[in-house]
Amino acid sequence: MESPCILVCVIDPQTKYCFGCGRTGDEIASWTSYTPELRREIMDGLPARLETVVRKPRRETKRRRMAHERQGD
């Protein structure tokens, strides 16, 4: 079954679209019950949806911070 999932399953609180694929929570939950035609129709609109998702900057992890500190020494 064709799916746009990229295993980044977090919903943007503003747009209600998944940060990874652009689907809504309801679409994700119902995906396997959709016809191939409906899945394709939704997938065709996902690039435009993803343009509206507000992406937060990645948080610096402790490991990355420590690596930056070592490089600065």
PDB file of N, CA and C in Angstrom:
ATOM      1  N   MET A   1       0.844  -1.176   0.000  1.00  0.00           N
ATOM      2  CA  MET A   1       0.000   0.000   0.000  1.00  0.00           C
ATOM      3  C   MET A   1       0.893   1.245   0.000  1.00  0.00           C
ATOM      4  N   GLU A   2       0.598   2.141  -0.884  1.00  0.00           N
ATOM      5  CA  GLU A   2       1.360   3.381  -0.987  1.00  0.00           C
ATOM      6  C   GLU A   2       1.046   4.291   0.206  1.00  0.00           C
ATOM      7  N   SER A   3       2.106   4.880   0.776  1.00  0.00           N
ATOM      8  CA  SER A   3       1.935   5.765   1.924  1.00  0.00           C
ATOM      9  C   SER A   3       3.013   6.851   1.892  1.00  0.00           C
ATOM     10  N   PRO A   4       2.671   8.067   2.320  1.00  0.00           N
ATOM     11  CA  PRO A   4       3.661   9.138   2.358  1.00  0.00           C
ATOM     12  C   PRO A   4       4.445   9.178   3.667  1.00  0.00           C
ATOM     13  N   CYS A   5       4.185   8.241   4.561  1.00  0.00           N
ATOM     14  CA  CYS A   5       4.805   8.253   5.889  1.00  0.00           C
ATOM     15  C   CYS A   5       6.329   8.173   5.789  1.00  0.00           C
ATOM     16  N   ILE A   6       7.009   9.051   6.547  1.00  0.00           N
ATOM     17  CA  ILE A   6       8.473   9.007   6.620  1.00  0.00           C
ATOM     18  C   ILE A   6       8.927   8.787   8.061  1.00  0.00           C
ATOM     19  N   LEU A   7       8.008   8.305   8.907  1.00  0.00           N
ATOM     20  CA  LEU A   7       8.280   7.975  10.307  1.00  0.00           C
ATOM     21  C   LEU A   7       8.659   9.190  11.145  1.00  0.00           C
ATOM     22  N   VAL A   8       8.095  10.338  10.802  1.00  0.00           N
ATOM     23  CA  VAL A   8       8.215  11.558  11.612  1.00  0.00           C
ATOM     24  C   VAL A   8       6.785  11.910  11.991  1.00  0.00           C
ATOM     25  N   CYS A   9       6.263  11.238  12.992  1.00  0.00           N
ATOM     26  CA  CYS A   9       4.834  11.323  13.309  1.00  0.00           C
ATOM     27  C   CYS A   9       4.582  12.313  14.448  1.00  0.00           C
ATOM     28  N   VAL A  10       4.599  13.588  14.094  1.00  0.00           N
ATOM     29  CA  VAL A  10       4.320  14.663  15.048  1.00  0.00           C
ATOM     30  C   VAL A  10       3.383  15.643  14.349  1.00  0.00           C
ATOM     31  N   ILE A  11       2.297  15.983  15.015  1.00  0.00           N
ATOM     32  CA  ILE A  11       1.300  16.873  14.424  1.00  0.00           C
ATOM     33  C   ILE A  11       1.603  18.319  14.799  1.00  0.00           C
ATOM     34  N   ASP A  12       1.645  19.195  13.797  1.00  0.00           N
ATOM     35  CA  ASP A  12       1.825  20.630  14.011  1.00  0.00           C
ATOM     36  C   ASP A  12       0.561  21.164  14.694  1.00  0.00           C
ATOM     37  N   PRO A  13       0.679  21.781  15.873  1.00  0.00           N
ATOM     38  CA  PRO A  13      -0.508  22.244  16.590  1.00  0.00           C
ATOM     39  C   PRO A  13      -1.275  23.349  15.863  1.00  0.00           C
ATOM     40  N   GLN A  14      -0.622  24.095  14.993  1.00  0.00           N
ATOM     41  CA  GLN A  14      -1.307  25.176  14.283  1.00  0.00           C
ATOM     42  C   GLN A  14      -2.084  24.667  13.077  1.00  0.00           C
ATOM     43  N   THR A  15      -1.436  23.906  12.220  1.00  0.00           N
ATOM     44  CA  THR A  15      -2.085  23.469  10.980  1.00  0.00           C
ATOM     45  C   THR A  15      -2.815  22.143  11.137  1.00  0.00           C
ATOM     46  N   LYS A  16      -2.443  21.375  12.161  1.00  0.00           N
ATOM     47  CA  LYS A  16      -2.979  20.018  12.392  1.00  0.00           C
ATOM     48  C   LYS A  16      -2.492  19.012  11.354  1.00  0.00           C
ATOM     49  N   TYR A  17      -1.408  19.349  10.659  1.00  0.00           N
ATOM     50  CA  TYR A  17      -0.791  18.437   9.705  1.00  0.00           C
ATOM     51  C   TYR A  17       0.444  17.808  10.336  1.00  0.00           C
ATOM     52  N   CYS A  18       0.725  16.570   9.941  1.00  0.00           N
ATOM     53  CA  CYS A  18       1.925  15.888  10.415  1.00  0.00           C
ATOM     54  C   CYS A  18       3.160  16.593   9.845  1.00  0.00           C
ATOM     55  N   PHE A  19       4.170  16.817  10.685  1.00  0.00           N
ATOM     56  CA  PHE A  19       5.416  17.449  10.240  1.00  0.00           C
ATOM     57  C   PHE A  19       6.111  16.610   9.164  1.00  0.00           C
ATOM     58  N   GLY A  20       5.958  15.296   9.233  1.00  0.00           N
ATOM     59  CA  GLY A  20       6.656  14.426   8.296  1.00  0.00           C
ATOM     60  C   GLY A  20       5.972  14.250   6.969  1.00  0.00           C
ATOM     61  N   CYS A  21       4.665  13.961   6.994  1.00  0.00           N
ATOM     62  CA  CYS A  21       3.985  13.609   5.742  1.00  0.00           C
ATOM     63  C   CYS A  21       2.941  14.618   5.291  1.00  0.00           C
ATOM     64  N   GLY A  22       2.438  15.434   6.204  1.00  0.00           N
ATOM     65  CA  GLY A  22       1.439  16.429   5.831  1.00  0.00           C
ATOM     66  C   GLY A  22      -0.001  15.982   6.001  1.00  0.00           C
ATOM     67  N   ARG A  23      -0.215  14.724   6.412  1.00  0.00           N
ATOM     68  CA  ARG A  23      -1.578  14.270   6.609  1.00  0.00           C
ATOM     69  C   ARG A  23      -2.122  14.731   7.959  1.00  0.00           C
ATOM     70  N   THR A  24      -3.453  14.753   8.087  1.00  0.00           N
ATOM     71  CA  THR A  24      -4.081  15.040   9.379  1.00  0.00           C
ATOM     72  C   THR A  24      -4.083  13.761  10.212  1.00  0.00           C
ATOM     73  N   GLY A  25      -4.346  13.908  11.487  1.00  0.00           N
ATOM     74  CA  GLY A  25      -4.437  12.731  12.348  1.00  0.00           C
ATOM     75  C   GLY A  25      -5.528  11.779  11.896  1.00  0.00           C
ATOM     76  N   ASP A  26      -6.660  12.316  11.480  1.00  0.00           N
ATOM     77  CA  ASP A  26      -7.751  11.470  10.993  1.00  0.00           C
ATOM     78  C   ASP A  26      -7.348  10.721   9.726  1.00  0.00           C
ATOM     79  N   GLU A  27      -6.633  11.391   8.838  1.00  0.00           N
ATOM     80  CA  GLU A  27      -6.183  10.729   7.609  1.00  0.00           C
ATOM     81  C   GLU A  27      -5.197   9.616   7.921  1.00  0.00           C
ATOM     82  N   ILE A  28      -4.307   9.862   8.857  1.00  0.00           N
ATOM     83  CA  ILE A  28      -3.332   8.840   9.246  1.00  0.00           C
ATOM     84  C   ILE A  28      -4.063   7.626   9.823  1.00  0.00           C
ATOM     85  N   ALA A  29      -5.008   7.881  10.723  1.00  0.00           N
ATOM     86  CA  ALA A  29      -5.738   6.792  11.376  1.00  0.00           C
ATOM     87  C   ALA A  29      -6.587   5.986  10.397  1.00  0.00           C
ATOM     88  N   SER A  30      -7.119   6.636   9.380  1.00  0.00           N
ATOM     89  CA  SER A  30      -8.029   5.973   8.435  1.00  0.00           C
ATOM     90  C   SER A  30      -7.355   5.521   7.146  1.00  0.00           C
ATOM     91  N   TRP A  31      -6.062   5.739   7.023  1.00  0.00           N
ATOM     92  CA  TRP A  31      -5.351   5.531   5.766  1.00  0.00           C
ATOM     93  C   TRP A  31      -5.604   4.155   5.156  1.00  0.00           C
ATOM     94  N   THR A  32      -5.576   3.106   5.968  1.00  0.00           N
ATOM     95  CA  THR A  32      -5.717   1.750   5.414  1.00  0.00           C
ATOM     96  C   THR A  32      -7.129   1.466   4.915  1.00  0.00           C
ATOM     97  N   SER A  33      -8.107   2.249   5.351  1.00  0.00           N
ATOM     98  CA  SER A  33      -9.481   2.019   4.883  1.00  0.00           C
ATOM     99  C   SER A  33      -9.828   2.845   3.645  1.00  0.00           C
ATOM    100  N   TYR A  34      -8.945   3.745   3.235  1.00  0.00           N
ATOM    101  CA  TYR A  34      -9.191   4.574   2.055  1.00  0.00           C
ATOM    102  C   TYR A  34      -8.955   3.778   0.780  1.00  0.00           C
ATOM    103  N   THR A  35      -9.655   4.173  -0.277  1.00  0.00           N
ATOM    104  CA  THR A  35      -9.417   3.564  -1.586  1.00  0.00           C
ATOM    105  C   THR A  35      -8.077   4.069  -2.121  1.00  0.00           C
ATOM    106  N   PRO A  36      -7.457   3.337  -3.018  1.00  0.00           N
ATOM    107  CA  PRO A  36      -6.216   3.824  -3.622  1.00  0.00           C
ATOM    108  C   PRO A  36      -6.391   5.189  -4.283  1.00  0.00           C
ATOM    109  N   GLU A  37      -7.556   5.427  -4.866  1.00  0.00           N
ATOM    110  CA  GLU A  37      -7.809   6.707  -5.523  1.00  0.00           C
ATOM    111  C   GLU A  37      -7.839   7.852  -4.509  1.00  0.00           C
ATOM    112  N   LEU A  38      -8.486   7.628  -3.366  1.00  0.00           N
ATOM    113  CA  LEU A  38      -8.544   8.667  -2.341  1.00  0.00           C
ATOM    114  C   LEU A  38      -7.162   8.907  -1.744  1.00  0.00           C
ATOM    115  N   ARG A  39      -6.401   7.834  -1.512  1.00  0.00           N
ATOM    116  CA  ARG A  39      -5.027   8.004  -0.997  1.00  0.00           C
ATOM    117  C   ARG A  39      -4.196   8.826  -1.976  1.00  0.00           C
ATOM    118  N   ARG A  40      -4.302   8.558  -3.270  1.00  0.00           N
ATOM    119  CA  ARG A  40      -3.539   9.296  -4.284  1.00  0.00           C
ATOM    120  C   ARG A  40      -3.970  10.750  -4.306  1.00  0.00           C
ATOM    121  N   GLU A  41      -5.283  11.014  -4.197  1.00  0.00           N
ATOM    122  CA  GLU A  41      -5.776  12.387  -4.190  1.00  0.00           C
ATOM    123  C   GLU A  41      -5.207  13.168  -2.997  1.00  0.00           C
ATOM    124  N   ILE A  42      -5.191  12.536  -1.839  1.00  0.00           N
ATOM    125  CA  ILE A  42      -4.633  13.184  -0.646  1.00  0.00           C
ATOM    126  C   ILE A  42      -3.138  13.416  -0.837  1.00  0.00           C
ATOM    127  N   MET A  43      -2.434  12.394  -1.324  1.00  0.00           N
ATOM    128  CA  MET A  43      -0.985  12.509  -1.497  1.00  0.00           C
ATOM    129  C   MET A  43      -0.610  13.603  -2.488  1.00  0.00           C
ATOM    130  N   ASP A  44      -1.428  13.808  -3.490  1.00  0.00           N
ATOM    131  CA  ASP A  44      -1.148  14.870  -4.462  1.00  0.00           C
ATOM    132  C   ASP A  44      -1.171  16.257  -3.817  1.00  0.00           C
ATOM    133  N   GLY A  45      -1.947  16.429  -2.755  1.00  0.00           N
ATOM    134  CA  GLY A  45      -2.037  17.719  -2.080  1.00  0.00           C
ATOM    135  C   GLY A  45      -1.057  17.919  -0.937  1.00  0.00           C
ATOM    136  N   LEU A  46      -0.308  16.876  -0.584  1.00  0.00           N
ATOM    137  CA  LEU A  46       0.578  16.976   0.583  1.00  0.00           C
ATOM    138  C   LEU A  46       1.720  17.980   0.439  1.00  0.00           C
ATOM    139  N   PRO A  47       2.366  18.117  -0.716  1.00  0.00           N
ATOM    140  CA  PRO A  47       3.439  19.121  -0.808  1.00  0.00           C
ATOM    141  C   PRO A  47       2.952  20.530  -0.461  1.00  0.00           C
ATOM    142  N   ALA A  48       1.768  20.892  -0.903  1.00  0.00           N
ATOM    143  CA  ALA A  48       1.231  22.221  -0.583  1.00  0.00           C
ATOM    144  C   ALA A  48       0.947  22.349   0.907  1.00  0.00           C
ATOM    145  N   ARG A  49       0.451  21.292   1.515  1.00  0.00           N
ATOM    146  CA  ARG A  49       0.203  21.314   2.956  1.00  0.00           C
ATOM    147  C   ARG A  49       1.497  21.504   3.732  1.00  0.00           C
ATOM    148  N   LEU A  50       2.528  20.762   3.336  1.00  0.00           N
ATOM    149  CA  LEU A  50       3.797  20.836   4.064  1.00  0.00           C
ATOM    150  C   LEU A  50       4.413  22.233   4.000  1.00  0.00           C
ATOM    151  N   GLU A  51       4.091  22.982   2.968  1.00  0.00           N
ATOM    152  CA  GLU A  51       4.576  24.363   2.881  1.00  0.00           C
ATOM    153  C   GLU A  51       3.983  25.238   3.980  1.00  0.00           C
ATOM    154  N   THR A  52       2.828  24.851   4.526  1.00  0.00           N
ATOM    155  CA  THR A  52       2.165  25.662   5.552  1.00  0.00           C
ATOM    156  C   THR A  52       2.573  25.278   6.967  1.00  0.00           C
ATOM    157  N   VAL A  53       3.270  24.163   7.114  1.00  0.00           N
ATOM    158  CA  VAL A  53       3.681  23.690   8.441  1.00  0.00           C
ATOM    159  C   VAL A  53       4.822  24.551   8.951  1.00  0.00           C
ATOM    160  N   VAL A  54       4.671  25.038  10.170  1.00  0.00           N
ATOM    161  CA  VAL A  54       5.715  25.857  10.789  1.00  0.00           C
ATOM    162  C   VAL A  54       6.689  24.908  11.476  1.00  0.00           C
ATOM    163  N   ARG A  55       7.863  24.830  10.924  1.00  0.00           N
ATOM    164  CA  ARG A  55       8.869  23.918  11.490  1.00  0.00           C
ATOM    165  C   ARG A  55       9.699  24.634  12.550  1.00  0.00           C
ATOM    166  N   LYS A  56       9.765  24.004  13.703  1.00  0.00           N
ATOM    167  CA  LYS A  56      10.573  24.559  14.784  1.00  0.00           C
ATOM    168  C   LYS A  56      12.032  24.186  14.542  1.00  0.00           C
ATOM    169  N   PRO A  57      12.955  25.069  14.928  1.00  0.00           N
ATOM    170  CA  PRO A  57      14.362  24.695  14.781  1.00  0.00           C
ATOM    171  C   PRO A  57      14.677  23.490  15.659  1.00  0.00           C
ATOM    172  N   ARG A  58      15.559  22.653  15.178  1.00  0.00           N
ATOM    173  CA  ARG A  58      15.920  21.467  15.953  1.00  0.00           C
ATOM    174  C   ARG A  58      16.593  21.869  17.249  1.00  0.00           C
ATOM    175  N   ARG A  59      16.220  21.184  18.283  1.00  0.00           N
ATOM    176  CA  ARG A  59      16.769  21.418  19.607  1.00  0.00           C
ATOM    177  C   ARG A  59      18.184  20.844  19.668  1.00  0.00           C
ATOM    178  N   GLU A  60      19.078  21.581  20.283  1.00  0.00           N
ATOM    179  CA  GLU A  60      20.434  21.072  20.414  1.00  0.00           C
ATOM    180  C   GLU A  60      20.475  20.030  21.525  1.00  0.00           C
ATOM    181  N   THR A  61      20.950  18.843  21.209  1.00  0.00           N
ATOM    182  CA  THR A  61      21.030  17.776  22.195  1.00  0.00           C
ATOM    183  C   THR A  61      22.271  17.961  23.057  1.00  0.00           C
ATOM    184  N   LYS A  62      22.283  17.302  24.191  1.00  0.00           N
ATOM    185  CA  LYS A  62      23.443  17.364  25.079  1.00  0.00           C
ATOM    186  C   LYS A  62      24.691  16.846  24.367  1.00  0.00           C
ATOM    187  N   ARG A  63      24.529  15.768  23.595  1.00  0.00           N
ATOM    188  CA  ARG A  63      25.673  15.199  22.872  1.00  0.00           C
ATOM    189  C   ARG A  63      26.243  16.205  21.875  1.00  0.00           C
ATOM    190  N   ARG A  64      25.372  16.891  21.136  1.00  0.00           N
ATOM    191  CA  ARG A  64      25.830  17.874  20.150  1.00  0.00           C
ATOM    192  C   ARG A  64      26.490  19.068  20.843  1.00  0.00           C
ATOM    193  N   ARG A  65      25.896  19.521  21.943  1.00  0.00           N
ATOM    194  CA  ARG A  65      26.466  20.645  22.687  1.00  0.00           C
ATOM    195  C   ARG A  65      27.856  20.303  23.194  1.00  0.00           C
ATOM    196  N   MET A  66      28.018  19.087  23.729  1.00  0.00           N
ATOM    197  CA  MET A  66      29.334  18.674  24.240  1.00  0.00           C
ATOM    198  C   MET A  66      30.351  18.595  23.098  1.00  0.00           C
ATOM    199  N   ALA A  67      29.923  18.136  21.923  1.00  0.00           N
ATOM    200  CA  ALA A  67      30.832  18.059  20.773  1.00  0.00           C
ATOM    201  C   ALA A  67      31.270  19.464  20.360  1.00  0.00           C
ATOM    202  N   HIS A  68      30.336  20.428  20.361  1.00  0.00           N
ATOM    203  CA  HIS A  68      30.706  21.807  20.030  1.00  0.00           C
ATOM    204  C   HIS A  68      31.683  22.369  21.039  1.00  0.00           C
ATOM    205  N   GLU A  69      31.493  22.057  22.315  1.00  0.00           N
ATOM    206  CA  GLU A  69      32.392  22.543  23.357  1.00  0.00           C
ATOM    207  C   GLU A  69      33.785  21.955  23.184  1.00  0.00           C
ATOM    208  N   ARG A  70      33.877  20.669  22.824  1.00  0.00           N
ATOM    209  CA  ARG A  70      35.185  20.040  22.607  1.00  0.00           C
ATOM    210  C   ARG A  70      35.906  20.660  21.414  1.00  0.00           C
ATOM    211  N   GLN A  71      35.156  20.986  20.363  1.00  0.00           N
ATOM    212  CA  GLN A  71      35.761  21.575  19.176  1.00  0.00           C
ATOM    213  C   GLN A  71      36.287  22.987  19.467  1.00  0.00           C
ATOM    214  N   GLY A  72      35.652  23.669  20.399  1.00  0.00           N
ATOM    215  CA  GLY A  72      36.056  25.022  20.734  1.00  0.00           C
ATOM    216  C   GLY A  72      37.301  25.088  21.587  1.00  0.00           C
ATOM    217  N   ASP A  73      37.696  23.966  22.202  1.00  0.00           N
ATOM    218  CA  ASP A  73      38.895  23.948  23.091  1.00  0.00           C
ATOM    219  C   ASP A  73      40.171  23.998  22.313  1.00  0.00           C
TER     220      ASP A  73
END
